[in-house]
PDB file of N, CA and C in Angstrom:
ATOM      1  N   MET A   1       0.844  -1.189   0.000  1.00  0.00           N
ATOM      2  CA  MET A   1       0.000   0.000   0.000  1.00  0.00           C
ATOM      3  C   MET A   1       0.884   1.245   0.000  1.00  0.00           C
ATOM      4  N   TYR A   2       0.423   2.276  -0.709  1.00  0.00           N
ATOM      5  CA  TYR A   2       1.137   3.535  -0.820  1.00  0.00           C
ATOM      6  C   TYR A   2       0.633   4.518   0.225  1.00  0.00           C
ATOM      7  N   ASP A   3       1.378   5.596   0.425  1.00  0.00           N
ATOM      8  CA  ASP A   3       0.945   6.652   1.340  1.00  0.00           C
ATOM      9  C   ASP A   3       0.203   7.753   0.589  1.00  0.00           C
ATOM     10  N   ALA A   4      -0.595   7.380  -0.376  1.00  0.00           N
ATOM     11  CA  ALA A   4      -1.341   8.347  -1.169  1.00  0.00           C
ATOM     12  C   ALA A   4      -2.455   8.953  -0.326  1.00  0.00           C
ATOM     13  N   VAL A   5      -2.702  10.231  -0.497  1.00  0.00           N
ATOM     14  CA  VAL A   5      -3.801  10.886   0.225  1.00  0.00           C
ATOM     15  C   VAL A   5      -5.138  10.358  -0.290  1.00  0.00           C
ATOM     16  N   PHE A   6      -5.276  10.287  -1.595  1.00  0.00           N
ATOM     17  CA  PHE A   6      -6.497   9.780  -2.215  1.00  0.00           C
ATOM     18  C   PHE A   6      -6.137   8.554  -3.043  1.00  0.00           C
ATOM     19  N   ALA A   7      -6.106   7.410  -2.404  1.00  0.00           N
ATOM     20  CA  ALA A   7      -5.751   6.161  -3.093  1.00  0.00           C
ATOM     21  C   ALA A   7      -6.981   5.545  -3.750  1.00  0.00           C
ATOM     22  N   THR A   8      -6.727   4.650  -4.703  1.00  0.00           N
ATOM     23  CA  THR A   8      -7.820   3.893  -5.313  1.00  0.00           C
ATOM     24  C   THR A   8      -8.351   2.884  -4.290  1.00  0.00           C
ATOM     25  N   ARG A   9      -9.414   2.190  -4.653  1.00  0.00           N
ATOM     26  CA  ARG A   9      -9.959   1.162  -3.763  1.00  0.00           C
ATOM     27  C   ARG A   9      -8.931   0.085  -3.443  1.00  0.00           C
ATOM     28  N   ASN A  10      -8.001  -0.127  -4.382  1.00  0.00           N
ATOM     29  CA  ASN A  10      -6.962  -1.141  -4.193  1.00  0.00           C
ATOM     30  C   ASN A  10      -5.756  -0.592  -3.430  1.00  0.00           C
ATOM     31  N   GLY A  11      -5.797   0.695  -3.089  1.00  0.00           N
ATOM     32  CA  GLY A  11      -4.684   1.301  -2.367  1.00  0.00           C
ATOM     33  C   GLY A  11      -3.539   1.754  -3.248  1.00  0.00           C
ATOM     34  N   THR A  12      -3.779   1.870  -4.547  1.00  0.00           N
ATOM     35  CA  THR A  12      -2.742   2.314  -5.480  1.00  0.00           C
ATOM     36  C   THR A  12      -2.978   3.767  -5.871  1.00  0.00           C
ATOM     37  N   TRP A  13      -2.041   4.324  -6.646  1.00  0.00           N
ATOM     38  CA  TRP A  13      -2.155   5.708  -7.110  1.00  0.00           C
ATOM     39  C   TRP A  13      -3.217   5.816  -8.197  1.00  0.00           C
ATOM     40  N   HIS A  14      -3.899   6.946  -8.236  1.00  0.00           N
ATOM     41  CA  HIS A  14      -4.838   7.239  -9.323  1.00  0.00           C
ATOM     42  C   HIS A  14      -4.042   7.638 -10.554  1.00  0.00           C
ATOM     43  N   GLN A  15      -4.572   7.337 -11.722  1.00  0.00           N
ATOM     44  CA  GLN A  15      -3.986   7.816 -12.967  1.00  0.00           C
ATOM     45  C   GLN A  15      -4.278   9.309 -13.082  1.00  0.00           C
ATOM     46  N   ILE A  16      -3.273  10.075 -13.531  1.00  0.00           N
ATOM     47  CA  ILE A  16      -3.415  11.541 -13.575  1.00  0.00           C
ATOM     48  C   ILE A  16      -4.589  11.977 -14.453  1.00  0.00           C
ATOM     49  N   VAL A  17      -4.840  11.293 -15.562  1.00  0.00           N
ATOM     50  CA  VAL A  17      -5.956  11.688 -16.427  1.00  0.00           C
ATOM     51  C   VAL A  17      -7.287  11.541 -15.693  1.00  0.00           C
ATOM     52  N   ASN A  18      -7.405  10.526 -14.835  1.00  0.00           N
ATOM     53  CA  ASN A  18      -8.636  10.354 -14.063  1.00  0.00           C
ATOM     54  C   ASN A  18      -8.783  11.431 -12.999  1.00  0.00           C
ATOM     55  N   VAL A  19      -7.686  11.802 -12.363  1.00  0.00           N
ATOM     56  CA  VAL A  19      -7.713  12.871 -11.361  1.00  0.00           C
ATOM     57  C   VAL A  19      -8.116  14.191 -12.020  1.00  0.00           C
ATOM     58  N   GLU A  20      -7.492  14.486 -13.155  1.00  0.00           N
ATOM     59  CA  GLU A  20      -7.802  15.751 -13.847  1.00  0.00           C
ATOM     60  C   GLU A  20      -9.250  15.780 -14.315  1.00  0.00           C
ATOM     61  N   ARG A  21      -9.766  14.666 -14.841  1.00  0.00           N
ATOM     62  CA  ARG A  21     -11.161  14.600 -15.287  1.00  0.00           C
ATOM     63  C   ARG A  21     -12.107  14.843 -14.106  1.00  0.00           C
ATOM     64  N   ARG A  22     -11.847  14.176 -13.014  1.00  0.00           N
ATOM     65  CA  ARG A  22     -12.696  14.338 -11.823  1.00  0.00           C
ATOM     66  C   ARG A  22     -12.605  15.762 -11.278  1.00  0.00           C
ATOM     67  N   TRP A  23     -11.405  16.331 -11.293  1.00  0.00           N
ATOM     68  CA  TRP A  23     -11.207  17.700 -10.806  1.00  0.00           C
ATOM     69  C   TRP A  23     -12.006  18.685 -11.657  1.00  0.00           C
ATOM     70  N   ARG A  24     -12.025  18.483 -12.978  1.00  0.00           N
ATOM     71  CA  ARG A  24     -12.822  19.357 -13.858  1.00  0.00           C
ATOM     72  C   ARG A  24     -14.305  19.263 -13.489  1.00  0.00           C
ATOM     73  N   GLN A  25     -14.785  18.057 -13.205  1.00  0.00           N
ATOM     74  CA  GLN A  25     -16.190  17.871 -12.825  1.00  0.00           C
ATOM     75  C   GLN A  25     -16.508  18.590 -11.512  1.00  0.00           C
ATOM     76  N   ILE A  26     -15.608  18.473 -10.553  1.00  0.00           N
ATOM     77  CA  ILE A  26     -15.824  19.063  -9.231  1.00  0.00           C
ATOM     78  C   ILE A  26     -15.891  20.584  -9.298  1.00  0.00           C
ATOM     79  N   ARG A  27     -14.984  21.205 -10.037  1.00  0.00           N
ATOM     80  CA  ARG A  27     -14.905  22.670 -10.036  1.00  0.00           C
ATOM     81  C   ARG A  27     -15.814  23.334 -11.064  1.00  0.00           C
ATOM     82  N   LYS A  28     -16.496  22.542 -11.894  1.00  0.00           N
ATOM     83  CA  LYS A  28     -17.381  23.085 -12.927  1.00  0.00           C
ATOM     84  C   LYS A  28     -18.439  23.988 -12.297  1.00  0.00           C
ATOM     85  N   ASP A  29     -18.595  25.168 -12.877  1.00  0.00           N
ATOM     86  CA  ASP A  29     -19.606  26.136 -12.441  1.00  0.00           C
ATOM     87  C   ASP A  29     -19.422  26.622 -11.006  1.00  0.00           C
ATOM     88  N   THR A  30     -18.207  26.619 -10.503  1.00  0.00           N
ATOM     89  CA  THR A  30     -17.948  27.090  -9.141  1.00  0.00           C
ATOM     90  C   THR A  30     -17.275  28.453  -9.121  1.00  0.00           C
ATOM     91  N   GLY A  31     -16.760  28.887 -10.279  1.00  0.00           N
ATOM     92  CA  GLY A  31     -15.956  30.106 -10.303  1.00  0.00           C
ATOM     93  C   GLY A  31     -14.494  29.816 -10.049  1.00  0.00           C
ATOM     94  N   PHE A  32     -14.172  28.555  -9.817  1.00  0.00           N
ATOM     95  CA  PHE A  32     -12.792  28.149  -9.574  1.00  0.00           C
ATOM     96  C   PHE A  32     -12.256  27.283 -10.713  1.00  0.00           C
ATOM     97  N   GLU A  33     -12.770  27.489 -11.916  1.00  0.00           N
ATOM     98  CA  GLU A  33     -12.316  26.703 -13.065  1.00  0.00           C
ATOM     99  C   GLU A  33     -10.832  26.907 -13.343  1.00  0.00           C
ATOM    100  N   TRP A  34     -10.297  28.016 -12.903  1.00  0.00           N
ATOM    101  CA  TRP A  34      -8.877  28.326 -13.119  1.00  0.00           C
ATOM    102  C   TRP A  34      -7.952  27.506 -12.218  1.00  0.00           C
ATOM    103  N   VAL A  35      -8.498  26.874 -11.165  1.00  0.00           N
ATOM    104  CA  VAL A  35      -7.670  26.094 -10.239  1.00  0.00           C
ATOM    105  C   VAL A  35      -7.400  24.715 -10.845  1.00  0.00           C
ATOM    106  N   THR A  36      -6.126  24.433 -11.078  1.00  0.00           N
ATOM    107  CA  THR A  36      -5.705  23.154 -11.649  1.00  0.00           C
ATOM    108  C   THR A  36      -4.769  22.459 -10.658  1.00  0.00           C
ATOM    109  N   PRO A  37      -4.461  21.200 -10.887  1.00  0.00           N
ATOM    110  CA  PRO A  37      -3.459  20.556 -10.029  1.00  0.00           C
ATOM    111  C   PRO A  37      -2.135  21.327 -10.015  1.00  0.00           C
ATOM    112  N   HIS A  38      -1.782  21.916 -11.140  1.00  0.00           N
ATOM    113  CA  HIS A  38      -0.538  22.705 -11.191  1.00  0.00           C
ATOM    114  C   HIS A  38      -0.654  23.954 -10.311  1.00  0.00           C
ATOM    115  N   THR A  39      -1.823  24.587 -10.293  1.00  0.00           N
ATOM    116  CA  THR A  39      -2.052  25.736  -9.424  1.00  0.00           C
ATOM    117  C   THR A  39      -1.849  25.348  -7.965  1.00  0.00           C
ATOM    118  N   VAL A  40      -2.346  24.177  -7.600  1.00  0.00           N
ATOM    119  CA  VAL A  40      -2.194  23.700  -6.223  1.00  0.00           C
ATOM    120  C   VAL A  40      -0.716  23.462  -5.916  1.00  0.00           C
ATOM    121  N   ARG A  41       0.033  22.847  -6.841  1.00  0.00           N
ATOM    122  CA  ARG A  41       1.472  22.610  -6.637  1.00  0.00           C
ATOM    123  C   ARG A  41       2.222  23.925  -6.459  1.00  0.00           C
ATOM    124  N   LYS A  42       1.875  24.930  -7.283  1.00  0.00           N
ATOM    125  CA  LYS A  42       2.543  26.227  -7.164  1.00  0.00           C
ATOM    126  C   LYS A  42       2.221  26.879  -5.827  1.00  0.00           C
ATOM    127  N   THR A  43       0.985  26.729  -5.365  1.00  0.00           N
ATOM    128  CA  THR A  43       0.592  27.293  -4.075  1.00  0.00           C
ATOM    129  C   THR A  43       1.350  26.615  -2.945  1.00  0.00           C
ATOM    130  N   VAL A  44       1.450  25.296  -3.000  1.00  0.00           N
ATOM    131  CA  VAL A  44       2.214  24.555  -1.987  1.00  0.00           C
ATOM    132  C   VAL A  44       3.669  25.016  -1.991  1.00  0.00           C
ATOM    133  N   ALA A  45       4.252  25.170  -3.175  1.00  0.00           N
ATOM    134  CA  ALA A  45       5.648  25.610  -3.275  1.00  0.00           C
ATOM    135  C   ALA A  45       5.831  26.995  -2.669  1.00  0.00           C
ATOM    136  N   THR A  46       4.948  27.918  -2.998  1.00  0.00           N
ATOM    137  CA  THR A  46       5.061  29.288  -2.506  1.00  0.00           C
ATOM    138  C   THR A  46       4.888  29.347  -0.993  1.00  0.00           C
ATOM    139  N   LEU A  47       3.832  28.719  -0.475  1.00  0.00           N
ATOM    140  CA  LEU A  47       3.592  28.749   0.968  1.00  0.00           C
ATOM    141  C   LEU A  47       4.709  28.046   1.739  1.00  0.00           C
ATOM    142  N   SER A  48       5.194  26.921   1.206  1.00  0.00           N
ATOM    143  CA  SER A  48       6.285  26.195   1.857  1.00  0.00           C
ATOM    144  C   SER A  48       7.555  27.025   1.901  1.00  0.00           C
ATOM    145  N   SER A  49       7.874  27.676   0.789  1.00  0.00           N
ATOM    146  CA  SER A  49       9.109  28.469   0.752  1.00  0.00           C
ATOM    147  C   SER A  49       9.010  29.701   1.646  1.00  0.00           C
ATOM    148  N   GLU A  50       7.815  30.290   1.747  1.00  0.00           N
ATOM    149  CA  GLU A  50       7.640  31.450   2.626  1.00  0.00           C
ATOM    150  C   GLU A  50       7.748  31.046   4.097  1.00  0.00           C
ATOM    151  N   ALA A  51       7.282  29.846   4.424  1.00  0.00           N
ATOM    152  CA  ALA A  51       7.311  29.382   5.810  1.00  0.00           C
ATOM    153  C   ALA A  51       8.655  28.775   6.178  1.00  0.00           C
ATOM    154  N   THR A  52       9.368  28.229   5.185  1.00  0.00           N
ATOM    155  CA  THR A  52      10.654  27.580   5.457  1.00  0.00           C
ATOM    156  C   THR A  52      11.699  28.092   4.475  1.00  0.00           C
ATOM    157  N   THR A  53      12.097  27.244   3.540  1.00  0.00           N
ATOM    158  CA  THR A  53      13.078  27.632   2.520  1.00  0.00           C
ATOM    159  C   THR A  53      12.653  27.052   1.179  1.00  0.00           C
ATOM    160  N   SER A  54      13.224  27.582   0.104  1.00  0.00           N
ATOM    161  CA  SER A  54      12.927  27.035  -1.217  1.00  0.00           C
ATOM    162  C   SER A  54      13.485  25.624  -1.353  1.00  0.00           C
ATOM    163  N   GLU A  55      14.541  25.311  -0.634  1.00  0.00           N
ATOM    164  CA  GLU A  55      15.101  23.959  -0.652  1.00  0.00           C
ATOM    165  C   GLU A  55      14.086  22.951  -0.092  1.00  0.00           C
ATOM    166  N   LEU A  56      13.452  23.282   1.028  1.00  0.00           N
ATOM    167  CA  LEU A  56      12.446  22.383   1.599  1.00  0.00           C
ATOM    168  C   LEU A  56      11.207  22.305   0.711  1.00  0.00           C
ATOM    169  N   ALA A  57      10.836  23.413   0.093  1.00  0.00           N
ATOM    170  CA  ALA A  57       9.706  23.395  -0.839  1.00  0.00           C
ATOM    171  C   ALA A  57      10.024  22.480  -2.016  1.00  0.00           C
ATOM    172  N   SER A  58      11.250  22.556  -2.493  1.00  0.00           N
ATOM    173  CA  SER A  58      11.687  21.711  -3.596  1.00  0.00           C
ATOM    174  C   SER A  58      11.604  20.235  -3.231  1.00  0.00           C
ATOM    175  N   ARG A  59      12.043  19.905  -2.045  1.00  0.00           N
ATOM    176  CA  ARG A  59      11.966  18.515  -1.583  1.00  0.00           C
ATOM    177  C   ARG A  59      10.519  18.050  -1.464  1.00  0.00           C
ATOM    178  N   GLN A  60       9.647  18.924  -0.966  1.00  0.00           N
ATOM    179  CA  GLN A  60       8.236  18.577  -0.821  1.00  0.00           C
ATOM    180  C   GLN A  60       7.624  18.227  -2.174  1.00  0.00           C
ATOM    181  N   LEU A  61       8.004  18.965  -3.203  1.00  0.00           N
ATOM    182  CA  LEU A  61       7.453  18.723  -4.536  1.00  0.00           C
ATOM    183  C   LEU A  61       8.185  17.615  -5.283  1.00  0.00           C
ATOM    184  N   GLY A  62       9.313  17.166  -4.749  1.00  0.00           N
ATOM    185  CA  GLY A  62      10.062  16.095  -5.396  1.00  0.00           C
ATOM    186  C   GLY A  62      10.910  16.554  -6.564  1.00  0.00           C
ATOM    187  N   HIS A  63      11.282  17.823  -6.574  1.00  0.00           N
ATOM    188  CA  HIS A  63      12.131  18.337  -7.650  1.00  0.00           C
ATOM    189  C   HIS A  63      13.584  17.937  -7.441  1.00  0.00           C
ATOM    190  N   SER A  64      14.303  17.816  -8.537  1.00  0.00           N
ATOM    191  CA  SER A  64      15.721  17.452  -8.463  1.00  0.00           C
ATOM    192  C   SER A  64      16.578  18.645  -8.071  1.00  0.00           C
ATOM    193  N   SER A  65      16.033  19.838  -8.208  1.00  0.00           N
ATOM    194  CA  SER A  65      16.798  21.048  -7.931  1.00  0.00           C
ATOM    195  C   SER A  65      15.882  22.120  -7.350  1.00  0.00           C
ATOM    196  N   SER A  66      16.381  22.834  -6.351  1.00  0.00           N
ATOM    197  CA  SER A  66      15.573  23.934  -5.800  1.00  0.00           C
ATOM    198  C   SER A  66      15.478  25.085  -6.797  1.00  0.00           C
ATOM    199  N   GLN A  67      16.396  25.134  -7.761  1.00  0.00           N
ATOM    200  CA  GLN A  67      16.341  26.174  -8.800  1.00  0.00           C
ATOM    201  C   GLN A  67      15.078  26.007  -9.652  1.00  0.00           C
ATOM    202  N   ILE A  68      14.710  24.777  -9.952  1.00  0.00           N
ATOM    203  CA  ILE A  68      13.474  24.512 -10.702  1.00  0.00           C
ATOM    204  C   ILE A  68      12.282  25.057  -9.925  1.00  0.00           C
ATOM    205  N   THR A  69      12.267  24.801  -8.640  1.00  0.00           N
ATOM    206  CA  THR A  69      11.167  25.266  -7.790  1.00  0.00           C
ATOM    207  C   THR A  69      11.120  26.787  -7.783  1.00  0.00           C
ATOM    208  N   ARG A  70      12.262  27.433  -7.600  1.00  0.00           N
ATOM    209  CA  ARG A  70      12.302  28.906  -7.567  1.00  0.00           C
ATOM    210  C   ARG A  70      11.883  29.503  -8.910  1.00  0.00           C
ATOM    211  N   ASP A  71      12.368  28.931 -10.006  1.00  0.00           N
ATOM    212  CA  ASP A  71      12.102  29.501 -11.332  1.00  0.00           C
ATOM    213  C   ASP A  71      10.668  29.293 -11.811  1.00  0.00           C
ATOM    214  N   HIS A  72      10.065  28.148 -11.475  1.00  0.00           N
ATOM    215  CA  HIS A  72       8.796  27.791 -12.099  1.00  0.00           C
ATOM    216  C   HIS A  72       7.613  27.606 -11.144  1.00  0.00           C
ATOM    217  N   TYR A  73       7.863  27.521  -9.849  1.00  0.00           N
ATOM    218  CA  TYR A  73       6.772  27.207  -8.928  1.00  0.00           C
ATOM    219  C   TYR A  73       6.512  28.260  -7.866  1.00  0.00           C
ATOM    220  N   ILE A  74       7.540  28.883  -7.346  1.00  0.00           N
ATOM    221  CA  ILE A  74       7.349  29.871  -6.281  1.00  0.00           C
ATOM    222  C   ILE A  74       6.920  31.192  -6.903  1.00  0.00           C
ATOM    223  N   ALA A  75       5.804  31.730  -6.423  1.00  0.00           N
ATOM    224  CA  ALA A  75       5.270  32.976  -6.964  1.00  0.00           C
ATOM    225  C   ALA A  75       6.203  34.137  -6.653  1.00  0.00           C
ATOM    226  N   LYS A  76       6.406  34.968  -7.660  1.00  0.00           N
ATOM    227  CA  LYS A  76       7.209  36.184  -7.483  1.00  0.00           C
ATOM    228  C   LYS A  76       6.291  37.305  -7.006  1.00  0.00           C
ATOM    229  N   PRO A  77       6.825  38.255  -6.252  1.00  0.00           N
ATOM    230  CA  PRO A  77       5.988  39.392  -5.842  1.00  0.00           C
ATOM    231  C   PRO A  77       5.438  40.098  -7.083  1.00  0.00           C
ATOM    232  N   PRO A  78       4.154  40.442  -7.078  1.00  0.00           N
ATOM    233  CA  PRO A  78       3.558  41.057  -8.269  1.00  0.00           C
ATOM    234  C   PRO A  78       4.051  42.469  -8.540  1.00  0.00           C
ATOM    235  N   ILE A  79       4.543  43.149  -7.524  1.00  0.00           N
ATOM    236  CA  ILE A  79       4.977  44.538  -7.689  1.00  0.00           C
ATOM    237  C   ILE A  79       6.401  44.665  -7.173  1.00  0.00           C
ATOM    238  N   ALA A  80       7.219  45.343  -7.960  1.00  0.00           N
ATOM    239  CA  ALA A  80       8.599  45.578  -7.533  1.00  0.00           C
ATOM    240  C   ALA A  80       8.615  46.647  -6.442  1.00  0.00           C
ATOM    241  N   ALA A  81       9.651  46.641  -5.657  1.00  0.00           N
ATOM    242  CA  ALA A  81       9.799  47.660  -4.610  1.00  0.00           C
ATOM    243  C   ALA A  81       9.860  49.045  -5.247  1.00  0.00           C
ATOM    244  N   ASP A  82       9.362  50.038  -4.533  1.00  0.00           N
ATOM    245  CA  ASP A  82       9.382  51.415  -5.024  1.00  0.00           C
ATOM    246  C   ASP A  82      10.782  51.998  -4.825  1.00  0.00           C
ATOM    247  N   LEU A  83      11.508  52.087  -5.899  1.00  0.00           N
ATOM    248  CA  LEU A  83      12.867  52.617  -5.858  1.00  0.00           C
ATOM    249  C   LEU A  83      12.958  53.992  -6.525  1.00  0.00           C
ATOM    250  N   SER A  84      11.827  54.675  -6.655  1.00  0.00           N
ATOM    251  CA  SER A  84      11.807  55.938  -7.381  1.00  0.00           C
ATOM    252  C   SER A  84      12.736  56.980  -6.761  1.00  0.00           C
ATOM    253  N   GLU A  85      12.787  57.059  -5.437  1.00  0.00           N
ATOM    254  CA  GLU A  85      13.688  58.038  -4.797  1.00  0.00           C
ATOM    255  C   GLU A  85      15.141  57.730  -5.109  1.00  0.00           C
ATOM    256  N   LEU A  86      15.497  56.474  -5.072  1.00  0.00           N
ATOM    257  CA  LEU A  86      16.861  56.073  -5.391  1.00  0.00           C
ATOM    258  C   LEU A  86      17.199  56.412  -6.841  1.00  0.00           C
ATOM    259  N   LEU A  87      16.289  56.114  -7.742  1.00  0.00           N
ATOM    260  CA  LEU A  87      16.533  56.403  -9.156  1.00  0.00           C
ATOM    261  C   LEU A  87      16.585  57.901  -9.430  1.00  0.00           C
ATOM    262  N   GLU A  88      15.754  58.675  -8.755  1.00  0.00           N
ATOM    263  CA  GLU A  88      15.807  60.127  -8.914  1.00  0.00           C
ATOM    264  C   GLU A  88      17.117  60.681  -8.388  1.00  0.00           C
ATOM    265  N   ALA A  89      17.666  60.068  -7.348  1.00  0.00           N
ATOM    266  CA  ALA A  89      18.951  60.513  -6.816  1.00  0.00           C
ATOM    267  C   ALA A  89      20.050  60.330  -7.849  1.00  0.00           C
ATOM    268  N   PHE A  90      19.951  59.296  -8.666  1.00  0.00           N
ATOM    269  CA  PHE A  90      20.932  59.105  -9.737  1.00  0.00           C
ATOM    270  C   PHE A  90      20.924  60.286 -10.690  1.00  0.00           C
ATOM    271  N   GLY A  91      19.738  60.826 -10.943  1.00  0.00           N
ATOM    272  CA  GLY A  91      19.635  61.973 -11.848  1.00  0.00           C
ATOM    273  C   GLY A  91      20.244  63.227 -11.248  1.00  0.00           C
ATOM    274  N   ASP A  92      20.317  63.319  -9.925  1.00  0.00           N
ATOM    275  CA  ASP A  92      20.861  64.489  -9.261  1.00  0.00           C
ATOM    276  C   ASP A  92      22.383  64.451  -9.139  1.00  0.00           C
ATOM    277  N   VAL A  93      22.972  63.309  -9.334  1.00  0.00           N
ATOM    278  CA  VAL A  93      24.414  63.165  -9.200  1.00  0.00           C
ATOM    279  C   VAL A  93      25.087  63.709 -10.452  1.00  0.00           C
ATOM    280  N   ARG A  94      26.048  64.598 -10.233  1.00  0.00           N
ATOM    281  CA  ARG A  94      26.797  65.145 -11.383  1.00  0.00           C
ATOM    282  C   ARG A  94      28.095  64.347 -11.533  1.00  0.00           C
ATOM    283  N   THR A  95      28.311  63.922 -12.727  1.00  0.00           N
ATOM    284  CA  THR A  95      29.553  63.222 -13.007  1.00  0.00           C
ATOM    285  C   THR A  95      30.574  64.221 -13.522  1.00  0.00           C
ATOM    286  N   PRO A  96      31.869  63.923 -13.426  1.00  0.00           N
ATOM    287  CA  PRO A  96      32.904  64.866 -13.884  1.00  0.00           C
ATOM    288  C   PRO A  96      32.720  65.283 -15.337  1.00  0.00           C
ATOM    289  N   SER A  97      32.188  64.407 -16.181  1.00  0.00           N
ATOM    290  CA  SER A  97      32.039  64.755 -17.596  1.00  0.00           C
ATOM    291  C   SER A  97      30.893  65.732 -17.830  1.00  0.00           C
ATOM    292  N   THR A  98      29.953  65.869 -16.883  1.00  0.00           N
ATOM    293  CA  THR A  98      28.822  66.791 -17.076  1.00  0.00           C
ATOM    294  C   THR A  98      29.000  68.102 -16.303  1.00  0.00           C
ATOM    295  N   GLU A  99      29.996  68.181 -15.435  1.00  0.00           N
ATOM    296  CA  GLU A  99      30.196  69.427 -14.675  1.00  0.00           C
ATOM    297  C   GLU A  99      30.931  70.435 -15.537  1.00  0.00           C
ATOM    298  N   SER A 100      30.597  71.725 -15.354  1.00  0.00           N
ATOM    299  CA  SER A 100      31.312  72.750 -16.116  1.00  0.00           C
ATOM    300  C   SER A 100      32.051  73.704 -15.203  1.00  0.00           C
TER     301      SER A 100
END
């Protein structure tokens, strides 16, 4: 017997096509049609890495490299930090070639 969360009646793994078909049936007309097994994996990776490390998130997902997890699974912040003051300061700096 496997340690599957949702095992078949025989205690074996479900075939992915059957899981995906059933998942489509479950989420139909719920407003959550966008949620896929991959969405769940990415959420697990992001939450795991925020709570621990990307290395542990990578191990949880069974990836061979934490770089794969960081590049493709862990969500990036949607907005970059506001660096406008820093960038404006660059404009105020006079370089020797521009001074008269």
